[in-house]
């Protein structure tokens, strides 16, 4: 029905929101995210490269 109202990817947006809420409600993930912000830029770039590899394998 959403597509009739001009809303695209409504299911995808809802899924992303629910995934974020699961992340937000996980104390271990919240702690990791706070620590991540303290990391060196070089380490963050390495982590990003790893993320890109994982992301490409999923597609």
PDB file of N, CA and C in Angstrom:
ATOM      1  N   UNK A   1       0.812  -1.205   0.000  1.00  0.00           N
ATOM      2  CA  UNK A   1       0.000   0.000   0.000  1.00  0.00           C
ATOM      3  C   UNK A   1       0.848   1.258   0.000  1.00  0.00           C
ATOM      4  N   UNK A   2       1.985   1.220   0.657  1.00  0.00           N
ATOM      5  CA  UNK A   2       2.811   2.417   0.742  1.00  0.00           C
ATOM      6  C   UNK A   2       3.221   2.932  -0.629  1.00  0.00           C
ATOM      7  N   UNK A   3       3.469   2.023  -1.551  1.00  0.00           N
ATOM      8  CA  UNK A   3       3.890   2.463  -2.877  1.00  0.00           C
ATOM      9  C   UNK A   3       2.805   3.281  -3.561  1.00  0.00           C
ATOM     10  N   UNK A   4       1.543   3.057  -3.209  1.00  0.00           N
ATOM     11  CA  UNK A   4       0.447   3.844  -3.778  1.00  0.00           C
ATOM     12  C   UNK A   4       0.478   5.277  -3.274  1.00  0.00           C
ATOM     13  N   UNK A   5       1.050   5.472  -2.103  1.00  0.00           N
ATOM     14  CA  UNK A   5       1.153   6.806  -1.518  1.00  0.00           C
ATOM     15  C   UNK A   5       2.494   7.465  -1.821  1.00  0.00           C
ATOM     16  N   UNK A   6       3.282   6.824  -2.669  1.00  0.00           N
ATOM     17  CA  UNK A   6       4.566   7.392  -3.043  1.00  0.00           C
ATOM     18  C   UNK A   6       5.691   7.080  -2.076  1.00  0.00           C
ATOM     19  N   UNK A   7       5.450   6.169  -1.142  1.00  0.00           N
ATOM     20  CA  UNK A   7       6.496   5.788  -0.192  1.00  0.00           C
ATOM     21  C   UNK A   7       7.249   4.609  -0.786  1.00  0.00           C
ATOM     22  N   UNK A   8       8.553   4.809  -1.006  1.00  0.00           N
ATOM     23  CA  UNK A   8       9.376   3.748  -1.584  1.00  0.00           C
ATOM     24  C   UNK A   8      10.189   3.089  -0.485  1.00  0.00           C
ATOM     25  N   UNK A   9      10.420   1.798  -0.624  1.00  0.00           N
ATOM     26  CA  UNK A   9      11.259   1.030   0.299  1.00  0.00           C
ATOM     27  C   UNK A   9      10.782   1.112   1.743  1.00  0.00           C
ATOM     28  N   UNK A  10       9.487   1.174   1.953  1.00  0.00           N
ATOM     29  CA  UNK A  10       8.961   1.295   3.316  1.00  0.00           C
ATOM     30  C   UNK A  10       9.371   0.100   4.167  1.00  0.00           C
ATOM     31  N   UNK A  11       9.326  -1.086   3.604  1.00  0.00           N
ATOM     32  CA  UNK A  11       9.726  -2.268   4.352  1.00  0.00           C
ATOM     33  C   UNK A  11      11.191  -2.239   4.711  1.00  0.00           C
ATOM     34  N   UNK A  12      12.017  -1.778   3.780  1.00  0.00           N
ATOM     35  CA  UNK A  12      13.454  -1.681   4.024  1.00  0.00           C
ATOM     36  C   UNK A  12      13.735  -0.697   5.148  1.00  0.00           C
ATOM     37  N   UNK A  13      13.094   0.459   5.124  1.00  0.00           N
ATOM     38  CA  UNK A  13      13.300   1.463   6.164  1.00  0.00           C
ATOM     39  C   UNK A  13      12.890   0.934   7.528  1.00  0.00           C
ATOM     40  N   UNK A  14      11.769   0.237   7.586  1.00  0.00           N
ATOM     41  CA  UNK A  14      11.306  -0.336   8.852  1.00  0.00           C
ATOM     42  C   UNK A  14      12.289  -1.381   9.351  1.00  0.00           C
ATOM     43  N   UNK A  15      12.840  -2.181   8.447  1.00  0.00           N
ATOM     44  CA  UNK A  15      13.796  -3.212   8.823  1.00  0.00           C
ATOM     45  C   UNK A  15      15.077  -2.568   9.356  1.00  0.00           C
ATOM     46  N   UNK A  16      15.562  -1.534   8.688  1.00  0.00           N
ATOM     47  CA  UNK A  16      16.761  -0.839   9.144  1.00  0.00           C
ATOM     48  C   UNK A  16      16.535  -0.224  10.518  1.00  0.00           C
ATOM     49  N   UNK A  17      15.365   0.332  10.724  1.00  0.00           N
ATOM     50  CA  UNK A  17      15.047   0.932  12.018  1.00  0.00           C
ATOM     51  C   UNK A  17      15.005  -0.131  13.118  1.00  0.00           C
ATOM     52  N   UNK A  18      14.412  -1.278  12.820  1.00  0.00           N
ATOM     53  CA  UNK A  18      14.342  -2.323  13.837  1.00  0.00           C
ATOM     54  C   UNK A  18      15.730  -2.884  14.126  1.00  0.00           C
ATOM     55  N   UNK A  19      16.587  -2.982  13.092  1.00  0.00           N
ATOM     56  CA  UNK A  19      17.968  -3.427  13.318  1.00  0.00           C
ATOM     57  C   UNK A  19      18.715  -2.427  14.188  1.00  0.00           C
ATOM     58  N   UNK A  20      18.502  -1.142  13.933  1.00  0.00           N
ATOM     59  CA  UNK A  20      19.154  -0.124  14.748  1.00  0.00           C
ATOM     60  C   UNK A  20      18.677  -0.196  16.188  1.00  0.00           C
ATOM     61  N   UNK A  21      17.395  -0.406  16.382  1.00  0.00           N
ATOM     62  CA  UNK A  21      16.868  -0.493  17.744  1.00  0.00           C
ATOM     63  C   UNK A  21      17.457  -1.704  18.466  1.00  0.00           C
ATOM     64  N   UNK A  22      17.655  -2.806  17.767  1.00  0.00           N
ATOM     65  CA  UNK A  22      18.280  -3.977  18.378  1.00  0.00           C
ATOM     66  C   UNK A  22      19.703  -3.639  18.790  1.00  0.00           C
ATOM     67  N   UNK A  23      20.406  -2.904  17.952  1.00  0.00           N
ATOM     68  CA  UNK A  23      21.762  -2.448  18.271  1.00  0.00           C
ATOM     69  C   UNK A  23      21.733  -1.521  19.478  1.00  0.00           C
ATOM     70  N   UNK A  24      20.813  -0.598  19.479  1.00  0.00           N
ATOM     71  CA  UNK A  24      20.689   0.402  20.539  1.00  0.00           C
ATOM     72  C   UNK A  24      20.353  -0.242  21.887  1.00  0.00           C
ATOM     73  N   UNK A  25      19.650  -1.342  21.866  1.00  0.00           N
ATOM     74  CA  UNK A  25      19.238  -2.010  23.102  1.00  0.00           C
ATOM     75  C   UNK A  25      20.256  -3.033  23.611  1.00  0.00           C
ATOM     76  N   UNK A  26      21.352  -3.209  22.886  1.00  0.00           N
ATOM     77  CA  UNK A  26      22.383  -4.177  23.271  1.00  0.00           C
ATOM     78  C   UNK A  26      23.496  -3.448  24.020  1.00  0.00           C
ATOM     79  N   UNK A  27      23.615  -3.641  25.333  1.00  0.00           N
ATOM     80  CA  UNK A  27      24.614  -2.916  26.129  1.00  0.00           C
ATOM     81  C   UNK A  27      26.050  -3.127  25.647  1.00  0.00           C
ATOM     82  N   UNK A  28      26.353  -4.338  25.190  1.00  0.00           N
ATOM     83  CA  UNK A  28      27.703  -4.613  24.703  1.00  0.00           C
ATOM     84  C   UNK A  28      28.012  -3.808  23.441  1.00  0.00           C
ATOM     85  N   UNK A  29      27.047  -3.716  22.541  1.00  0.00           N
ATOM     86  CA  UNK A  29      27.239  -2.935  21.316  1.00  0.00           C
ATOM     87  C   UNK A  29      27.353  -1.445  21.629  1.00  0.00           C
ATOM     88  N   UNK A  30      26.573  -0.964  22.558  1.00  0.00           N
ATOM     89  CA  UNK A  30      26.657   0.450  22.947  1.00  0.00           C
ATOM     90  C   UNK A  30      28.031   0.767  23.519  1.00  0.00           C
ATOM     91  N   UNK A  31      28.535  -0.131  24.338  1.00  0.00           N
ATOM     92  CA  UNK A  31      29.856   0.055  24.940  1.00  0.00           C
ATOM     93  C   UNK A  31      30.934   0.055  23.853  1.00  0.00           C
ATOM     94  N   UNK A  32      30.819  -0.888  22.897  1.00  0.00           N
ATOM     95  CA  UNK A  32      31.770  -0.967  21.788  1.00  0.00           C
ATOM     96  C   UNK A  32      31.744   0.327  20.973  1.00  0.00           C
ATOM     97  N   UNK A  33      30.565   0.839  20.700  1.00  0.00           N
ATOM     98  CA  UNK A  33      30.440   2.059  19.908  1.00  0.00           C
ATOM     99  C   UNK A  33      31.087   3.244  20.619  1.00  0.00           C
ATOM    100  N   UNK A  34      30.906   3.344  21.919  1.00  0.00           N
ATOM    101  CA  UNK A  34      31.529   4.442  22.677  1.00  0.00           C
ATOM    102  C   UNK A  34      33.047   4.333  22.638  1.00  0.00           C
ATOM    103  N   UNK A  35      33.569   3.119  22.772  1.00  0.00           N
ATOM    104  CA  UNK A  35      35.015   2.910  22.718  1.00  0.00           C
ATOM    105  C   UNK A  35      35.552   3.172  21.316  1.00  0.00           C
ATOM    106  N   UNK A  36      34.770   2.840  20.321  1.00  0.00           N
ATOM    107  CA  UNK A  36      35.163   3.042  18.935  1.00  0.00           C
ATOM    108  C   UNK A  36      35.457   4.515  18.657  1.00  0.00           C
ATOM    109  N   UNK A  37      34.687   5.386  19.244  1.00  0.00           N
ATOM    110  CA  UNK A  37      34.864   6.823  19.036  1.00  0.00           C
ATOM    111  C   UNK A  37      36.206   7.327  19.558  1.00  0.00           C
ATOM    112  N   UNK A  38      36.819   6.581  20.436  1.00  0.00           N
ATOM    113  CA  UNK A  38      38.105   6.968  21.014  1.00  0.00           C
ATOM    114  C   UNK A  38      39.282   6.428  20.211  1.00  0.00           C
ATOM    115  N   UNK A  39      39.010   5.652  19.186  1.00  0.00           N
ATOM    116  CA  UNK A  39      40.052   4.990  18.409  1.00  0.00           C
ATOM    117  C   UNK A  39      40.807   5.961  17.514  1.00  0.00           C
ATOM    118  N   UNK A  40      42.026   5.557  17.164  1.00  0.00           N
ATOM    119  CA  UNK A  40      42.835   6.341  16.234  1.00  0.00           C
ATOM    120  C   UNK A  40      42.203   6.273  14.850  1.00  0.00           C
ATOM    121  N   UNK A  41      42.421   7.326  14.079  1.00  0.00           N
ATOM    122  CA  UNK A  41      41.861   7.376  12.729  1.00  0.00           C
ATOM    123  C   UNK A  41      42.368   6.204  11.884  1.00  0.00           C
ATOM    124  N   UNK A  42      43.622   5.861  12.023  1.00  0.00           N
ATOM    125  CA  UNK A  42      44.200   4.756  11.264  1.00  0.00           C
ATOM    126  C   UNK A  42      43.466   3.446  11.565  1.00  0.00           C
ATOM    127  N   UNK A  43      43.170   3.209  12.825  1.00  0.00           N
ATOM    128  CA  UNK A  43      42.441   1.996  13.210  1.00  0.00           C
ATOM    129  C   UNK A  43      41.018   2.005  12.669  1.00  0.00           C
ATOM    130  N   UNK A  44      40.399   3.168  12.658  1.00  0.00           N
ATOM    131  CA  UNK A  44      39.042   3.277  12.124  1.00  0.00           C
ATOM    132  C   UNK A  44      39.027   3.002  10.625  1.00  0.00           C
ATOM    133  N   UNK A  45      40.051   3.467   9.932  1.00  0.00           N
ATOM    134  CA  UNK A  45      40.139   3.202   8.489  1.00  0.00           C
ATOM    135  C   UNK A  45      40.313   1.704   8.229  1.00  0.00           C
ATOM    136  N   UNK A  46      41.101   1.034   9.046  1.00  0.00           N
ATOM    137  CA  UNK A  46      41.270  -0.417   8.914  1.00  0.00           C
ATOM    138  C   UNK A  46      39.939  -1.129   9.151  1.00  0.00           C
ATOM    139  N   UNK A  47      39.245  -0.716  10.181  1.00  0.00           N
ATOM    140  CA  UNK A  47      37.950  -1.316  10.490  1.00  0.00           C
ATOM    141  C   UNK A  47      36.963  -1.091   9.345  1.00  0.00           C
ATOM    142  N   UNK A  48      37.000   0.089   8.768  1.00  0.00           N
ATOM    143  CA  UNK A  48      36.127   0.400   7.634  1.00  0.00           C
ATOM    144  C   UNK A  48      36.430  -0.522   6.455  1.00  0.00           C
ATOM    145  N   UNK A  49      37.715  -0.754   6.185  1.00  0.00           N
ATOM    146  CA  UNK A  49      38.089  -1.654   5.088  1.00  0.00           C
ATOM    147  C   UNK A  49      37.558  -3.063   5.346  1.00  0.00           C
ATOM    148  N   UNK A  50      37.661  -3.510   6.574  1.00  0.00           N
ATOM    149  CA  UNK A  50      37.130  -4.830   6.932  1.00  0.00           C
ATOM    150  C   UNK A  50      35.619  -4.863   6.718  1.00  0.00           C
ATOM    151  N   UNK A  51      34.947  -3.797   7.130  1.00  0.00           N
ATOM    152  CA  UNK A  51      33.491  -3.711   6.949  1.00  0.00           C
ATOM    153  C   UNK A  51      33.115  -3.802   5.476  1.00  0.00           C
ATOM    154  N   UNK A  52      33.876  -3.115   4.624  1.00  0.00           N
ATOM    155  CA  UNK A  52      33.584  -3.134   3.183  1.00  0.00           C
ATOM    156  C   UNK A  52      33.733  -4.554   2.624  1.00  0.00           C
ATOM    157  N   UNK A  53      34.742  -5.281   3.095  1.00  0.00           N
ATOM    158  CA  UNK A  53      34.940  -6.664   2.656  1.00  0.00           C
ATOM    159  C   UNK A  53      33.752  -7.523   3.061  1.00  0.00           C
ATOM    160  N   UNK A  54      33.327  -7.382   4.297  1.00  0.00           N
ATOM    161  CA  UNK A  54      32.173  -8.147   4.788  1.00  0.00           C
ATOM    162  C   UNK A  54      30.920  -7.779   4.014  1.00  0.00           C
ATOM    163  N   UNK A  55      30.709  -6.507   3.795  1.00  0.00           N
ATOM    164  CA  UNK A  55      29.532  -6.030   3.089  1.00  0.00           C
ATOM    165  C   UNK A  55      29.492  -6.603   1.661  1.00  0.00           C
ATOM    166  N   UNK A  56      30.629  -6.626   0.992  1.00  0.00           N
ATOM    167  CA  UNK A  56      30.676  -7.161  -0.379  1.00  0.00           C
ATOM    168  C   UNK A  56      30.409  -8.653  -0.443  1.00  0.00           C
ATOM    169  N   UNK A  57      30.809  -9.389   0.589  1.00  0.00           N
ATOM    170  CA  UNK A  57      30.560 -10.822   0.620  1.00  0.00           C
ATOM    171  C   UNK A  57      29.089 -11.150   0.796  1.00  0.00           C
ATOM    172  N   UNK A  58      28.355 -10.245   1.433  1.00  0.00           N
ATOM    173  CA  UNK A  58      26.927 -10.465   1.670  1.00  0.00           C
ATOM    174  C   UNK A  58      26.106 -10.240   0.424  1.00  0.00           C
ATOM    175  N   UNK A  59      26.639  -9.531  -0.547  1.00  0.00           N
ATOM    176  CA  UNK A  59      25.860  -9.205  -1.765  1.00  0.00           C
ATOM    177  C   UNK A  59      26.193 -10.125  -2.845  1.00  0.00           C
TER     178      UNK A  59
END
